[in-house]
């Protein structure tokens, strides 16, 4: 089964690598993700070479239909975060999937 990497896991690894306290490492990890979030909120794109790009995408408001009644409903505009991965990151995912065998990634074969 795949391991889940959380902010705390990243902070502990950073603390070990940088030889700083876990508390200081947590602050740095929090700062990193907060910086990405703030940039996206301003409409900026965040590019991390070899990993991928964080950017926002928008879908305009539109008129939809309620599938049960057929009644027209207003669907509001939405904005979300998009993460196109870098080619190296995609290659690593494909390599992992090839070793996982049939079925879903991380699912026992």
Protein backbone atom coordinates (compact mmCIF):
# COMPACT_ATOMS: atom_id res chain seq x y z
CA UNK A 1 0.00 0.00 0.00
CA UNK A 2 1.21 3.50 -0.78
CA UNK A 3 2.44 5.73 2.02
CA UNK A 4 0.62 8.98 2.68
CA UNK A 5 3.01 11.91 2.94
CA UNK A 6 1.56 14.62 5.17
CA UNK A 7 2.89 18.02 6.20
CA UNK A 8 4.17 16.43 9.42
CA UNK A 9 6.04 13.75 7.49
CA UNK A 10 7.60 16.43 5.27
CA UNK A 11 8.51 18.48 8.36
CA UNK A 12 10.19 15.52 10.08
CA UNK A 13 12.19 14.73 6.94
CA UNK A 14 13.20 18.39 6.59
CA UNK A 15 14.19 18.52 10.28
CA UNK A 16 16.43 15.47 9.86
CA UNK A 17 17.99 16.71 6.63
CA UNK A 18 18.53 20.34 7.68
CA UNK A 19 19.37 19.47 11.29
CA UNK A 20 16.75 21.82 12.68
CA UNK A 21 13.94 21.27 15.18
CA UNK A 22 10.72 19.68 14.03
CA UNK A 23 8.88 22.83 15.12
CA UNK A 24 11.06 25.02 12.88
CA UNK A 25 10.65 22.54 10.03
CA UNK A 26 6.84 22.61 10.46
CA UNK A 27 6.95 26.40 10.20
CA UNK A 28 8.97 26.18 6.97
CA UNK A 29 6.66 23.57 5.42
CA UNK A 30 3.62 25.64 6.41
CA UNK A 31 5.27 28.75 4.90
CA UNK A 32 5.96 26.86 1.65
CA UNK A 33 2.36 25.76 1.16
CA UNK A 34 0.95 29.09 2.35
CA UNK A 35 3.13 30.86 -0.23
CA UNK A 36 1.76 28.63 -3.00
CA UNK A 37 -1.83 29.23 -1.82
CA UNK A 38 -1.35 33.01 -1.60
CA UNK A 39 0.15 33.11 -5.09
CA UNK A 40 -2.79 31.16 -6.49
CA UNK A 41 -5.25 33.45 -4.72
CA UNK A 42 -3.63 36.41 -6.48
CA UNK A 43 -3.99 34.62 -9.82
CA UNK A 44 -0.29 33.82 -10.19
CA UNK A 45 1.07 30.54 -11.54
CA UNK A 46 3.60 28.62 -9.41
CA UNK A 47 6.17 26.63 -11.40
CA UNK A 48 8.39 24.07 -9.68
CA UNK A 49 10.89 22.76 -12.23
CA UNK A 50 10.83 18.96 -12.50
CA UNK A 51 7.66 18.67 -10.42
CA UNK A 52 4.85 20.64 -12.04
CA UNK A 53 2.86 23.86 -12.19
CA UNK A 54 0.12 25.06 -9.87
CA UNK A 55 -2.36 27.40 -11.52
CA UNK A 56 -6.01 28.31 -11.35
CA UNK A 57 -8.65 27.62 -13.97
CA UNK A 58 -12.08 29.16 -14.30
CA UNK A 59 -15.36 27.95 -15.65
CA UNK A 60 -17.90 30.64 -16.50
CA UNK A 61 -21.40 30.65 -15.07
CA UNK A 62 -23.83 28.78 -17.28
CA UNK A 63 -27.37 27.55 -17.54
CA UNK A 64 -27.80 23.88 -16.66
CA UNK A 65 -30.70 21.47 -16.31
CA UNK A 66 -31.99 19.59 -13.31
CA UNK A 67 -31.87 15.97 -14.55
CA UNK A 68 -34.99 14.97 -12.58
CA UNK A 69 -37.28 17.81 -13.55
CA UNK A 70 -35.66 19.21 -16.66
CA UNK A 71 -35.94 22.64 -15.06
CA UNK A 72 -33.28 25.21 -16.03
CA UNK A 73 -30.92 26.10 -13.18
CA UNK A 74 -28.14 28.66 -12.95
CA UNK A 75 -24.75 27.02 -12.37
CA UNK A 76 -22.38 29.56 -10.80
CA UNK A 77 -18.88 30.30 -12.06
CA UNK A 78 -16.18 28.22 -10.38
CA UNK A 79 -12.44 28.51 -9.94
CA UNK A 80 -10.17 25.63 -8.96
CA UNK A 81 -6.52 24.70 -8.71
CA UNK A 82 -4.99 22.78 -11.61
CA UNK A 83 -1.71 20.88 -11.33
CA UNK A 84 -0.20 19.83 -14.67
CA UNK A 85 2.74 17.61 -13.76
CA UNK A 86 6.19 17.98 -15.25
CA UNK A 87 7.30 15.27 -17.73
CA UNK A 88 9.70 13.78 -15.16
CA UNK A 89 6.92 13.56 -12.58
CA UNK A 90 4.60 11.85 -15.11
CA UNK A 91 7.35 9.36 -15.99
CA UNK A 92 7.80 8.47 -12.30
CA UNK A 93 4.04 7.87 -11.99
CA UNK A 94 4.04 5.61 -15.06
CA UNK A 95 7.02 3.66 -13.70
CA UNK A 96 5.22 3.18 -10.38
CA UNK A 97 2.04 2.06 -12.15
CA UNK A 98 4.01 -0.47 -14.23
CA UNK A 99 5.38 -2.08 -11.05
CA UNK A 100 1.97 -2.08 -9.35
CA UNK A 101 0.61 -4.64 -11.80
CA UNK A 102 -3.04 -4.89 -12.88
CA UNK A 103 -5.71 -2.93 -11.05
CA UNK A 104 -5.48 0.41 -9.34
CA UNK A 105 -2.17 1.88 -8.26
CA UNK A 106 -1.52 0.79 -4.71
CA UNK A 107 -4.17 -1.94 -4.86
CA UNK A 108 -2.98 -5.48 -4.19
CA UNK A 109 -2.86 -7.58 -7.35
